[in-house]
Amino acid sequence: MHIAKQANVLVVLLSFDLIKKEERLHPAVVITNDINQALIEFKQVFTDVCAKNPQAV
C-alpha cells in the first residue's frame, strides 16, 4: 500500500509538472487513493498536454 501511495503522488507530480509548463491547471488532475485511477488520469493529462504542446516532451 505504501508503494502504491508513493506511485500515486509521483503520477500527480509528473502530471502537474507538465501542466505548469502551460501555466494552467488541468481538470483531470485529481488526487485518488486508487493507483489504477491515478494512472488513467495521468495518461489522459499526458496525452492532452503532449497533443497541445509537443515541445514539452
PDB file of N, CA and C in Angstrom:
ATOM      1  N   MET A   1       0.836  -1.204   0.000  1.00  0.00           N
ATOM      2  CA  MET A   1       0.000   0.000   0.000  1.00  0.00           C
ATOM      3  C   MET A   1       0.872   1.257   0.000  1.00  0.00           C
ATOM      4  N   HIS A   2       1.964   1.207   0.756  1.00  0.00           N
ATOM      5  CA  HIS A   2       2.854   2.364   0.816  1.00  0.00           C
ATOM      6  C   HIS A   2       3.438   2.689  -0.560  1.00  0.00           C
ATOM      7  N   ILE A   3       3.819   1.647  -1.290  1.00  0.00           N
ATOM      8  CA  ILE A   3       4.379   1.850  -2.630  1.00  0.00           C
ATOM      9  C   ILE A   3       3.325   2.448  -3.546  1.00  0.00           C
ATOM     10  N   ALA A   4       2.104   1.966  -3.443  1.00  0.00           N
ATOM     11  CA  ALA A   4       1.020   2.490  -4.272  1.00  0.00           C
ATOM     12  C   ALA A   4       0.805   3.978  -3.996  1.00  0.00           C
ATOM     13  N   LYS A   5       0.857   4.361  -2.730  1.00  0.00           N
ATOM     14  CA  LYS A   5       0.683   5.775  -2.390  1.00  0.00           C
ATOM     15  C   LYS A   5       1.823   6.611  -2.970  1.00  0.00           C
ATOM     16  N   GLN A   6       3.033   6.110  -2.887  1.00  0.00           N
ATOM     17  CA  GLN A   6       4.171   6.846  -3.442  1.00  0.00           C
ATOM     18  C   GLN A   6       4.026   6.995  -4.947  1.00  0.00           C
ATOM     19  N   ALA A   7       3.613   5.930  -5.615  1.00  0.00           N
ATOM     20  CA  ALA A   7       3.439   5.974  -7.065  1.00  0.00           C
ATOM     21  C   ALA A   7       2.337   6.956  -7.433  1.00  0.00           C
ATOM     22  N   ASN A   8       1.284   6.977  -6.639  1.00  0.00           N
ATOM     23  CA  ASN A   8       0.170   7.886  -6.870  1.00  0.00           C
ATOM     24  C   ASN A   8       0.644   9.337  -6.797  1.00  0.00           C
ATOM     25  N   VAL A   9       1.414   9.648  -5.789  1.00  0.00           N
ATOM     26  CA  VAL A   9       1.953  11.000  -5.636  1.00  0.00           C
ATOM     27  C   VAL A   9       2.861  11.344  -6.811  1.00  0.00           C
ATOM     28  N   LEU A  10       3.661  10.384  -7.243  1.00  0.00           N
ATOM     29  CA  LEU A  10       4.561  10.600  -8.371  1.00  0.00           C
ATOM     30  C   LEU A  10       3.779  10.926  -9.632  1.00  0.00           C
ATOM     31  N   VAL A  11       2.715  10.180  -9.876  1.00  0.00           N
ATOM     32  CA  VAL A  11       1.871  10.421 -11.050  1.00  0.00           C
ATOM     33  C   VAL A  11       1.298  11.831 -11.004  1.00  0.00           C
ATOM     34  N   VAL A  12       0.792  12.215  -9.858  1.00  0.00           N
ATOM     35  CA  VAL A  12       0.214  13.553  -9.717  1.00  0.00           C
ATOM     36  C   VAL A  12       1.279  14.620  -9.938  1.00  0.00           C
ATOM     37  N   LEU A  13       2.463  14.426  -9.358  1.00  0.00           N
ATOM     38  CA  LEU A  13       3.531  15.411  -9.510  1.00  0.00           C
ATOM     39  C   LEU A  13       4.006  15.507 -10.954  1.00  0.00           C
ATOM     40  N   LEU A  14       4.154  14.376 -11.626  1.00  0.00           N
ATOM     41  CA  LEU A  14       4.568  14.392 -13.026  1.00  0.00           C
ATOM     42  C   LEU A  14       3.524  15.108 -13.871  1.00  0.00           C
ATOM     43  N   SER A  15       2.273  14.819 -13.606  1.00  0.00           N
ATOM     44  CA  SER A  15       1.196  15.470 -14.347  1.00  0.00           C
ATOM     45  C   SER A  15       1.240  16.974 -14.118  1.00  0.00           C
ATOM     46  N   PHE A  16       1.366  17.369 -12.869  1.00  0.00           N
ATOM     47  CA  PHE A  16       1.340  18.784 -12.539  1.00  0.00           C
ATOM     48  C   PHE A  16       2.545  19.518 -13.132  1.00  0.00           C
ATOM     49  N   ASP A  17       3.701  18.859 -13.148  1.00  0.00           N
ATOM     50  CA  ASP A  17       4.898  19.476 -13.706  1.00  0.00           C
ATOM     51  C   ASP A  17       4.703  19.770 -15.193  1.00  0.00           C
ATOM     52  N   LEU A  18       4.128  18.845 -15.925  1.00  0.00           N
ATOM     53  CA  LEU A  18       3.864  19.080 -17.350  1.00  0.00           C
ATOM     54  C   LEU A  18       2.880  20.225 -17.536  1.00  0.00           C
ATOM     55  N   ILE A  19       1.869  20.239 -16.696  1.00  0.00           N
ATOM     56  CA  ILE A  19       0.821  21.253 -16.828  1.00  0.00           C
ATOM     57  C   ILE A  19       1.354  22.636 -16.459  1.00  0.00           C
ATOM     58  N   LYS A  20       2.231  22.706 -15.452  1.00  0.00           N
ATOM     59  CA  LYS A  20       2.797  24.005 -15.064  1.00  0.00           C
ATOM     60  C   LYS A  20       3.490  24.671 -16.243  1.00  0.00           C
ATOM     61  N   LYS A  21       4.072  23.870 -17.135  1.00  0.00           N
ATOM     62  CA  LYS A  21       4.745  24.441 -18.294  1.00  0.00           C
ATOM     63  C   LYS A  21       3.767  25.210 -19.182  1.00  0.00           C
ATOM     64  N   GLU A  22       2.522  24.811 -19.145  1.00  0.00           N
ATOM     65  CA  GLU A  22       1.489  25.508 -19.900  1.00  0.00           C
ATOM     66  C   GLU A  22       0.828  26.591 -19.052  1.00  0.00           C
ATOM     67  N   GLU A  23       1.192  26.657 -17.782  1.00  0.00           N
ATOM     68  CA  GLU A  23       0.640  27.623 -16.836  1.00  0.00           C
ATOM     69  C   GLU A  23      -0.882  27.545 -16.753  1.00  0.00           C
ATOM     70  N   ARG A  24      -1.360  26.328 -16.652  1.00  0.00           N
ATOM     71  CA  ARG A  24      -2.790  26.140 -16.450  1.00  0.00           C
ATOM     72  C   ARG A  24      -2.988  24.864 -15.644  1.00  0.00           C
ATOM     73  N   LEU A  25      -4.130  24.751 -15.038  1.00  0.00           N
ATOM     74  CA  LEU A  25      -4.440  23.561 -14.239  1.00  0.00           C
ATOM     75  C   LEU A  25      -5.422  22.695 -15.009  1.00  0.00           C
ATOM     76  N   HIS A  26      -5.074  21.452 -15.184  1.00  0.00           N
ATOM     77  CA  HIS A  26      -5.910  20.543 -15.950  1.00  0.00           C
ATOM     78  C   HIS A  26      -6.956  19.909 -15.038  1.00  0.00           C
ATOM     79  N   PRO A  27      -8.208  19.888 -15.454  1.00  0.00           N
ATOM     80  CA  PRO A  27      -9.267  19.334 -14.587  1.00  0.00           C
ATOM     81  C   PRO A  27      -9.122  17.834 -14.332  1.00  0.00           C
ATOM     82  N   ALA A  28      -8.297  17.153 -15.135  1.00  0.00           N
ATOM     83  CA  ALA A  28      -8.136  15.709 -14.947  1.00  0.00           C
ATOM     84  C   ALA A  28      -7.189  15.376 -13.803  1.00  0.00           C
ATOM     85  N   VAL A  29      -6.521  16.392 -13.243  1.00  0.00           N
ATOM     86  CA  VAL A  29      -5.609  16.122 -12.136  1.00  0.00           C
ATOM     87  C   VAL A  29      -6.418  16.001 -10.848  1.00  0.00           C
ATOM     88  N   VAL A  30      -6.525  14.785 -10.385  1.00  0.00           N
ATOM     89  CA  VAL A  30      -7.240  14.530  -9.145  1.00  0.00           C
ATOM     90  C   VAL A  30      -6.356  13.688  -8.248  1.00  0.00           C
ATOM     91  N   ILE A  31      -6.545  13.842  -6.961  1.00  0.00           N
ATOM     92  CA  ILE A  31      -5.794  13.015  -6.015  1.00  0.00           C
ATOM     93  C   ILE A  31      -6.703  11.856  -5.609  1.00  0.00           C
ATOM     94  N   THR A  32      -6.223  10.658  -5.831  1.00  0.00           N
ATOM     95  CA  THR A  32      -7.008   9.472  -5.546  1.00  0.00           C
ATOM     96  C   THR A  32      -6.130   8.434  -4.857  1.00  0.00           C
ATOM     97  N   ASN A  33      -6.741   7.607  -4.055  1.00  0.00           N
ATOM     98  CA  ASN A  33      -6.006   6.521  -3.400  1.00  0.00           C
ATOM     99  C   ASN A  33      -5.901   5.298  -4.300  1.00  0.00           C
ATOM    100  N   ASP A  34      -6.582   5.331  -5.433  1.00  0.00           N
ATOM    101  CA  ASP A  34      -6.580   4.196  -6.356  1.00  0.00           C
ATOM    102  C   ASP A  34      -5.492   4.410  -7.399  1.00  0.00           C
ATOM    103  N   ILE A  35      -4.422   3.613  -7.346  1.00  0.00           N
ATOM    104  CA  ILE A  35      -3.289   3.796  -8.252  1.00  0.00           C
ATOM    105  C   ILE A  35      -3.716   3.594  -9.701  1.00  0.00           C
ATOM    106  N   ASN A  36      -4.625   2.675  -9.952  1.00  0.00           N
ATOM    107  CA  ASN A  36      -5.082   2.453 -11.325  1.00  0.00           C
ATOM    108  C   ASN A  36      -5.797   3.694 -11.866  1.00  0.00           C
ATOM    109  N   GLN A  37      -6.618   4.315 -11.033  1.00  0.00           N
ATOM    110  CA  GLN A  37      -7.315   5.537 -11.446  1.00  0.00           C
ATOM    111  C   GLN A  37      -6.309   6.670 -11.644  1.00  0.00           C
ATOM    112  N   ALA A  38      -5.322   6.743 -10.785  1.00  0.00           N
ATOM    113  CA  ALA A  38      -4.301   7.784 -10.922  1.00  0.00           C
ATOM    114  C   ALA A  38      -3.551   7.634 -12.247  1.00  0.00           C
ATOM    115  N   LEU A  39      -3.241   6.408 -12.621  1.00  0.00           N
ATOM    116  CA  LEU A  39      -2.538   6.174 -13.881  1.00  0.00           C
ATOM    117  C   LEU A  39      -3.418   6.518 -15.080  1.00  0.00           C
ATOM    118  N   ILE A  40      -4.701   6.215 -14.983  1.00  0.00           N
ATOM    119  CA  ILE A  40      -5.637   6.577 -16.055  1.00  0.00           C
ATOM    120  C   ILE A  40      -5.696   8.094 -16.192  1.00  0.00           C
ATOM    121  N   GLU A  41      -5.807   8.790 -15.063  1.00  0.00           N
ATOM    122  CA  GLU A  41      -5.853  10.250 -15.088  1.00  0.00           C
ATOM    123  C   GLU A  41      -4.563  10.816 -15.682  1.00  0.00           C
ATOM    124  N   PHE A  42      -3.426  10.256 -15.277  1.00  0.00           N
ATOM    125  CA  PHE A  42      -2.149  10.740 -15.784  1.00  0.00           C
ATOM    126  C   PHE A  42      -2.055  10.543 -17.294  1.00  0.00           C
ATOM    127  N   LYS A  43      -2.488   9.398 -17.766  1.00  0.00           N
ATOM    128  CA  LYS A  43      -2.433   9.117 -19.203  1.00  0.00           C
ATOM    129  C   LYS A  43      -3.266  10.139 -19.970  1.00  0.00           C
ATOM    130  N   GLN A  44      -4.441  10.466 -19.443  1.00  0.00           N
ATOM    131  CA  GLN A  44      -5.307  11.449 -20.101  1.00  0.00           C
ATOM    132  C   GLN A  44      -4.648  12.823 -20.131  1.00  0.00           C
ATOM    133  N   VAL A  45      -4.100  13.221 -19.004  1.00  0.00           N
ATOM    134  CA  VAL A  45      -3.430  14.520 -18.918  1.00  0.00           C
ATOM    135  C   VAL A  45      -2.216  14.562 -19.839  1.00  0.00           C
ATOM    136  N   PHE A  46      -1.399  13.517 -19.758  1.00  0.00           N
ATOM    137  CA  PHE A  46      -0.179  13.464 -20.551  1.00  0.00           C
ATOM    138  C   PHE A  46      -0.489  13.528 -22.042  1.00  0.00           C
ATOM    139  N   THR A  47      -1.481  12.756 -22.472  1.00  0.00           N
ATOM    140  CA  THR A  47      -1.877  12.740 -23.879  1.00  0.00           C
ATOM    141  C   THR A  47      -2.364  14.113 -24.316  1.00  0.00           C
ATOM    142  N   ASP A  48      -3.184  14.742 -23.486  1.00  0.00           N
ATOM    143  CA  ASP A  48      -3.741  16.057 -23.808  1.00  0.00           C
ATOM    144  C   ASP A  48      -2.659  17.124 -23.880  1.00  0.00           C
ATOM    145  N   VAL A  49      -1.789  17.148 -22.887  1.00  0.00           N
ATOM    146  CA  VAL A  49      -0.728  18.157 -22.853  1.00  0.00           C
ATOM    147  C   VAL A  49       0.248  17.961 -24.008  1.00  0.00           C
ATOM    148  N   CYS A  50       0.602  16.721 -24.283  1.00  0.00           N
ATOM    149  CA  CYS A  50       1.532  16.451 -25.384  1.00  0.00           C
ATOM    150  C   CYS A  50       0.934  16.826 -26.731  1.00  0.00           C
ATOM    151  N   ALA A  51      -0.350  16.586 -26.891  1.00  0.00           N
ATOM    152  CA  ALA A  51      -1.016  16.923 -28.150  1.00  0.00           C
ATOM    153  C   ALA A  51      -1.030  18.433 -28.374  1.00  0.00           C
ATOM    154  N   LYS A  52      -1.204  19.185 -27.294  1.00  0.00           N
ATOM    155  CA  LYS A  52      -1.297  20.640 -27.409  1.00  0.00           C
ATOM    156  C   LYS A  52       0.062  21.331 -27.338  1.00  0.00           C
ATOM    157  N   ASN A  53       1.050  20.629 -26.790  1.00  0.00           N
ATOM    158  CA  ASN A  53       2.353  21.256 -26.561  1.00  0.00           C
ATOM    159  C   ASN A  53       3.468  20.234 -26.786  1.00  0.00           C
ATOM    160  N   PRO A  54       3.678  19.807 -28.031  1.00  0.00           N
ATOM    161  CA  PRO A  54       4.633  18.719 -28.292  1.00  0.00           C
ATOM    162  C   PRO A  54       6.065  19.026 -27.887  1.00  0.00           C
ATOM    163  N   GLN A  55       6.449  20.288 -27.831  1.00  0.00           N
ATOM    164  CA  GLN A  55       7.824  20.630 -27.453  1.00  0.00           C
ATOM    165  C   GLN A  55       8.082  20.423 -25.965  1.00  0.00           C
ATOM    166  N   ALA A  56       7.050  20.185 -25.179  1.00  0.00           N
ATOM    167  CA  ALA A  56       7.219  19.961 -23.740  1.00  0.00           C
ATOM    168  C   ALA A  56       7.743  18.562 -23.444  1.00  0.00           C
ATOM    169  N   VAL A  57       7.685  17.682 -24.424  1.00  0.00           N
ATOM    170  CA  VAL A  57       8.100  16.294 -24.198  1.00  0.00           C
ATOM    171  C   VAL A  57       9.618  16.192 -24.289  1.00  0.00           C
TER     172      VAL A  57
END
